[in-house]
Amino acid sequence: MRIEALKLTPVNSSMVEKVTPQIEEGKKNFGEFLTEALGEVNSLQQNAAKASFDLAAGNLQDISQVTIAAEKATIAMQLTMQVRNKVVDAYQEIMRMQV
């Protein structure tokens, strides 16, 4: 069996195109999206708390509105926690990579 040397050509900087992340106008980056989503979760939590206080004060007669508001807030918080867990897992996976 014959073994030949590898013929490698060096990479020139002209061969590599410089890539810079560009955000198209009208599109949000991840930070803006995350901030907006957390604001919505906070709003749902506040609405649920207000509905509970209104029910306790006798301003609301329909308990289903309170239940729906509380469930929306709970589901939004659970989703937020799952997203956080996935981001932490991804970060830990990246940190375990050997360079």
N, C-alpha and C. Protein backbone atom coordinates (compact mmCIF):
# COMPACT_ATOMS: atom_id res chain seq x y z
N MET A 1 0.85 -1.16 0.00
CA MET A 1 0.00 0.00 0.00
C MET A 1 0.91 1.23 0.00
N ARG A 2 0.59 2.15 -0.86
CA ARG A 2 1.40 3.35 -1.01
C ARG A 2 0.76 4.50 -0.23
N ILE A 3 1.56 5.22 0.53
CA ILE A 3 1.07 6.36 1.31
C ILE A 3 1.63 7.63 0.71
N GLU A 4 0.74 8.55 0.40
CA GLU A 4 1.16 9.83 -0.19
C GLU A 4 0.91 10.96 0.80
N ALA A 5 1.71 11.99 0.69
CA ALA A 5 1.56 13.15 1.56
C ALA A 5 0.32 13.94 1.14
N LEU A 6 -0.29 14.58 2.10
CA LEU A 6 -1.44 15.43 1.81
C LEU A 6 -0.97 16.72 1.17
N LYS A 7 -1.71 17.17 0.21
CA LYS A 7 -1.39 18.43 -0.44
C LYS A 7 -2.42 19.46 0.02
N LEU A 8 -2.04 20.22 1.03
CA LEU A 8 -2.94 21.22 1.59
C LEU A 8 -2.57 22.59 1.06
N THR A 9 -3.57 23.34 0.71
CA THR A 9 -3.32 24.72 0.29
C THR A 9 -3.69 25.64 1.44
N PRO A 10 -2.86 26.62 1.73
CA PRO A 10 -3.19 27.52 2.83
C PRO A 10 -4.40 28.39 2.50
N VAL A 11 -5.10 28.76 3.53
CA VAL A 11 -6.29 29.59 3.36
C VAL A 11 -5.86 31.05 3.36
N ASN A 12 -6.18 31.74 2.29
CA ASN A 12 -5.88 33.17 2.21
C ASN A 12 -7.04 33.96 2.76
N SER A 13 -6.73 35.13 3.28
CA SER A 13 -7.80 35.96 3.81
C SER A 13 -8.73 36.43 2.70
N SER A 14 -8.25 36.46 1.48
CA SER A 14 -9.12 36.86 0.37
C SER A 14 -10.12 35.76 0.04
N MET A 15 -9.79 34.53 0.42
CA MET A 15 -10.70 33.41 0.15
C MET A 15 -11.85 33.38 1.16
N VAL A 16 -11.60 33.91 2.33
CA VAL A 16 -12.60 33.89 3.39
C VAL A 16 -13.35 35.20 3.37
N GLU A 17 -14.64 35.09 3.26
CA GLU A 17 -15.48 36.29 3.25
C GLU A 17 -15.79 36.67 4.69
N LYS A 18 -15.56 37.91 5.02
CA LYS A 18 -15.84 38.35 6.38
C LYS A 18 -17.35 38.43 6.57
N VAL A 19 -17.80 37.77 7.61
CA VAL A 19 -19.22 37.71 7.88
C VAL A 19 -19.50 38.54 9.13
N THR A 20 -20.38 39.48 8.98
CA THR A 20 -20.82 40.28 10.12
C THR A 20 -22.33 40.12 10.24
N PRO A 21 -22.79 39.87 11.44
CA PRO A 21 -24.24 39.72 11.60
C PRO A 21 -24.94 41.04 11.33
N GLN A 22 -25.90 40.98 10.45
CA GLN A 22 -26.67 42.18 10.14
C GLN A 22 -28.14 41.88 10.42
N ILE A 23 -28.73 42.77 11.15
CA ILE A 23 -30.15 42.62 11.47
C ILE A 23 -30.93 43.42 10.45
N GLU A 24 -31.81 42.72 9.76
CA GLU A 24 -32.62 43.41 8.77
C GLU A 24 -33.58 44.34 9.48
N GLU A 25 -33.86 45.45 8.83
CA GLU A 25 -34.75 46.43 9.44
C GLU A 25 -36.15 45.83 9.60
N GLY A 26 -36.72 46.06 10.75
CA GLY A 26 -38.05 45.53 11.02
C GLY A 26 -38.02 44.20 11.76
N LYS A 27 -36.85 43.57 11.83
CA LYS A 27 -36.74 42.30 12.55
C LYS A 27 -36.09 42.54 13.90
N LYS A 28 -36.54 41.79 14.90
CA LYS A 28 -36.02 41.95 16.25
C LYS A 28 -34.88 40.97 16.49
N ASN A 29 -33.94 41.37 17.31
CA ASN A 29 -32.92 40.42 17.71
C ASN A 29 -33.44 39.62 18.91
N PHE A 30 -32.68 38.65 19.34
CA PHE A 30 -33.13 37.74 20.39
C PHE A 30 -33.38 38.48 21.70
N GLY A 31 -32.52 39.44 22.04
CA GLY A 31 -32.68 40.18 23.28
C GLY A 31 -33.98 40.97 23.32
N GLU A 32 -34.32 41.61 22.22
CA GLU A 32 -35.57 42.37 22.16
C GLU A 32 -36.77 41.45 22.26
N PHE A 33 -36.69 40.32 21.57
CA PHE A 33 -37.78 39.34 21.62
C PHE A 33 -37.97 38.82 23.04
N LEU A 34 -36.86 38.50 23.71
CA LEU A 34 -36.93 37.98 25.06
C LEU A 34 -37.49 39.01 26.04
N THR A 35 -37.06 40.25 25.90
CA THR A 35 -37.56 41.32 26.77
C THR A 35 -39.06 41.51 26.59
N GLU A 36 -39.51 41.48 25.34
CA GLU A 36 -40.94 41.64 25.07
C GLU A 36 -41.75 40.46 25.63
N ALA A 37 -41.23 39.25 25.48
CA ALA A 37 -41.93 38.07 25.98
C ALA A 37 -42.01 38.09 27.51
N LEU A 38 -40.94 38.50 28.17
CA LEU A 38 -40.97 38.58 29.63
C LEU A 38 -41.94 39.67 30.10
N GLY A 39 -42.05 40.74 29.34
CA GLY A 39 -43.02 41.78 29.66
C GLY A 39 -44.44 41.27 29.57
N GLU A 40 -44.71 40.43 28.57
CA GLU A 40 -46.04 39.85 28.42
C GLU A 40 -46.36 38.90 29.58
N VAL A 41 -45.37 38.11 29.99
CA VAL A 41 -45.57 37.20 31.13
C VAL A 41 -45.86 38.01 32.39
N ASN A 42 -45.11 39.08 32.59
CA ASN A 42 -45.34 39.95 33.75
C ASN A 42 -46.75 40.54 33.70
N SER A 43 -47.19 40.96 32.54
CA SER A 43 -48.52 41.53 32.39
C SER A 43 -49.60 40.50 32.73
N LEU A 44 -49.42 39.27 32.28
CA LEU A 44 -50.38 38.21 32.60
C LEU A 44 -50.41 37.94 34.10
N GLN A 45 -49.26 37.96 34.74
CA GLN A 45 -49.20 37.75 36.19
C GLN A 45 -49.94 38.87 36.93
N GLN A 46 -49.73 40.10 36.48
CA GLN A 46 -50.40 41.24 37.12
C GLN A 46 -51.91 41.19 36.90
N ASN A 47 -52.34 40.80 35.70
CA ASN A 47 -53.77 40.68 35.42
C ASN A 47 -54.42 39.61 36.30
N ALA A 48 -53.72 38.50 36.50
CA ALA A 48 -54.25 37.44 37.36
C ALA A 48 -54.36 37.91 38.80
N ALA A 49 -53.35 38.63 39.27
CA ALA A 49 -53.40 39.14 40.65
C ALA A 49 -54.53 40.15 40.82
N LYS A 50 -54.70 41.03 39.83
CA LYS A 50 -55.77 42.03 39.89
C LYS A 50 -57.14 41.35 39.89
N ALA A 51 -57.29 40.32 39.05
CA ALA A 51 -58.57 39.61 39.00
C ALA A 51 -58.86 38.93 40.34
N SER A 52 -57.84 38.38 40.98
CA SER A 52 -58.03 37.74 42.29
C SER A 52 -58.45 38.76 43.34
N PHE A 53 -57.79 39.91 43.34
CA PHE A 53 -58.15 40.96 44.30
C PHE A 53 -59.57 41.48 44.04
N ASP A 54 -59.92 41.64 42.76
CA ASP A 54 -61.27 42.11 42.43
C ASP A 54 -62.33 41.11 42.88
N LEU A 55 -62.03 39.82 42.71
CA LEU A 55 -62.97 38.80 43.16
C LEU A 55 -63.12 38.83 44.68
N ALA A 56 -62.01 38.98 45.38
CA ALA A 56 -62.06 39.02 46.84
C ALA A 56 -62.79 40.27 47.34
N ALA A 57 -62.67 41.37 46.58
CA ALA A 57 -63.33 42.62 46.98
C ALA A 57 -64.79 42.64 46.59
N GLY A 58 -65.21 41.67 45.79
CA GLY A 58 -66.60 41.62 45.37
C GLY A 58 -66.89 42.40 44.10
N ASN A 59 -65.84 42.86 43.42
CA ASN A 59 -66.03 43.60 42.18
C ASN A 59 -66.30 42.69 40.99
N LEU A 60 -65.89 41.44 41.07
CA LEU A 60 -66.14 40.46 40.01
C LEU A 60 -67.12 39.41 40.53
N GLN A 61 -68.08 39.06 39.72
CA GLN A 61 -69.04 38.03 40.10
C GLN A 61 -68.73 36.71 39.41
N ASP A 62 -67.97 36.76 38.31
CA ASP A 62 -67.71 35.57 37.51
C ASP A 62 -66.34 34.99 37.87
N ILE A 63 -66.35 33.86 38.55
CA ILE A 63 -65.09 33.25 38.98
C ILE A 63 -64.32 32.66 37.80
N SER A 64 -65.02 32.39 36.70
CA SER A 64 -64.33 31.81 35.54
C SER A 64 -63.30 32.78 34.96
N GLN A 65 -63.58 34.09 35.04
CA GLN A 65 -62.61 35.07 34.55
C GLN A 65 -61.31 35.01 35.36
N VAL A 66 -61.46 34.84 36.66
CA VAL A 66 -60.29 34.75 37.54
C VAL A 66 -59.51 33.47 37.25
N THR A 67 -60.25 32.37 37.08
CA THR A 67 -59.60 31.09 36.80
C THR A 67 -58.85 31.13 35.48
N ILE A 68 -59.46 31.71 34.46
CA ILE A 68 -58.81 31.80 33.15
C ILE A 68 -57.57 32.68 33.23
N ALA A 69 -57.66 33.80 33.91
CA ALA A 69 -56.50 34.70 34.06
C ALA A 69 -55.37 34.00 34.81
N ALA A 70 -55.72 33.26 35.86
CA ALA A 70 -54.71 32.55 36.64
C ALA A 70 -54.05 31.45 35.82
N GLU A 71 -54.83 30.72 35.03
CA GLU A 71 -54.27 29.66 34.20
C GLU A 71 -53.38 30.21 33.09
N LYS A 72 -53.78 31.33 32.49
CA LYS A 72 -52.93 31.96 31.48
C LYS A 72 -51.59 32.35 32.08
N ALA A 73 -51.63 32.92 33.28
CA ALA A 73 -50.39 33.33 33.95
C ALA A 73 -49.53 32.12 34.30
N THR A 74 -50.16 31.05 34.75
CA THR A 74 -49.43 29.85 35.12
C THR A 74 -48.77 29.21 33.90
N ILE A 75 -49.50 29.11 32.81
CA ILE A 75 -48.95 28.51 31.59
C ILE A 75 -47.82 29.36 31.03
N ALA A 76 -47.99 30.67 31.06
CA ALA A 76 -46.93 31.56 30.57
C ALA A 76 -45.67 31.42 31.42
N MET A 77 -45.83 31.29 32.73
CA MET A 77 -44.66 31.13 33.61
C MET A 77 -43.99 29.78 33.39
N GLN A 78 -44.78 28.73 33.18
CA GLN A 78 -44.21 27.42 32.91
C GLN A 78 -43.42 27.43 31.60
N LEU A 79 -43.96 28.09 30.59
CA LEU A 79 -43.26 28.21 29.31
C LEU A 79 -41.95 28.98 29.49
N THR A 80 -42.00 30.05 30.26
CA THR A 80 -40.79 30.83 30.51
C THR A 80 -39.73 29.99 31.21
N MET A 81 -40.13 29.20 32.17
CA MET A 81 -39.18 28.34 32.88
C MET A 81 -38.58 27.28 31.96
N GLN A 82 -39.40 26.72 31.06
CA GLN A 82 -38.88 25.73 30.13
C GLN A 82 -37.89 26.34 29.15
N VAL A 83 -38.18 27.54 28.68
CA VAL A 83 -37.25 28.22 27.78
C VAL A 83 -35.94 28.50 28.51
N ARG A 84 -36.05 28.95 29.76
CA ARG A 84 -34.85 29.21 30.56
C ARG A 84 -34.03 27.94 30.73
N ASN A 85 -34.69 26.83 31.02
CA ASN A 85 -33.99 25.56 31.20
C ASN A 85 -33.28 25.13 29.93
N LYS A 86 -33.93 25.32 28.78
CA LYS A 86 -33.31 24.94 27.51
C LYS A 86 -32.10 25.82 27.21
N VAL A 87 -32.20 27.11 27.52
CA VAL A 87 -31.07 28.01 27.28
C VAL A 87 -29.90 27.65 28.18
N VAL A 88 -30.18 27.34 29.44
CA VAL A 88 -29.12 26.94 30.37
C VAL A 88 -28.48 25.63 29.91
N ASP A 89 -29.28 24.67 29.48
CA ASP A 89 -28.75 23.40 28.98
C ASP A 89 -27.87 23.62 27.76
N ALA A 90 -28.30 24.48 26.85
CA ALA A 90 -27.51 24.76 25.65
C ALA A 90 -26.19 25.43 26.03
N TYR A 91 -26.23 26.36 26.98
CA TYR A 91 -25.01 27.03 27.43
C TYR A 91 -24.06 26.02 28.06
N GLN A 92 -24.58 25.13 28.90
CA GLN A 92 -23.72 24.13 29.54
C GLN A 92 -23.12 23.18 28.51
N GLU A 93 -23.89 22.83 27.50
CA GLU A 93 -23.38 21.97 26.44
C GLU A 93 -22.24 22.65 25.68
N ILE A 94 -22.40 23.92 25.40
CA ILE A 94 -21.34 24.67 24.71
C ILE A 94 -20.09 24.75 25.59
N MET A 95 -20.27 24.95 26.88
CA MET A 95 -19.12 25.05 27.78
C MET A 95 -18.39 23.72 27.92
N ARG A 96 -19.07 22.60 27.70
CA ARG A 96 -18.43 21.29 27.78
C ARG A 96 -17.64 20.95 26.52
N MET A 97 -17.86 21.70 25.44
CA MET A 97 -17.15 21.41 24.19
C MET A 97 -15.66 21.69 24.35
N GLN A 98 -14.88 20.81 23.79
CA GLN A 98 -13.43 21.01 23.82
C GLN A 98 -13.00 21.67 22.53
N VAL A 99 -12.12 22.63 22.69
CA VAL A 99 -11.65 23.36 21.51
C VAL A 99 -10.34 22.80 21.05
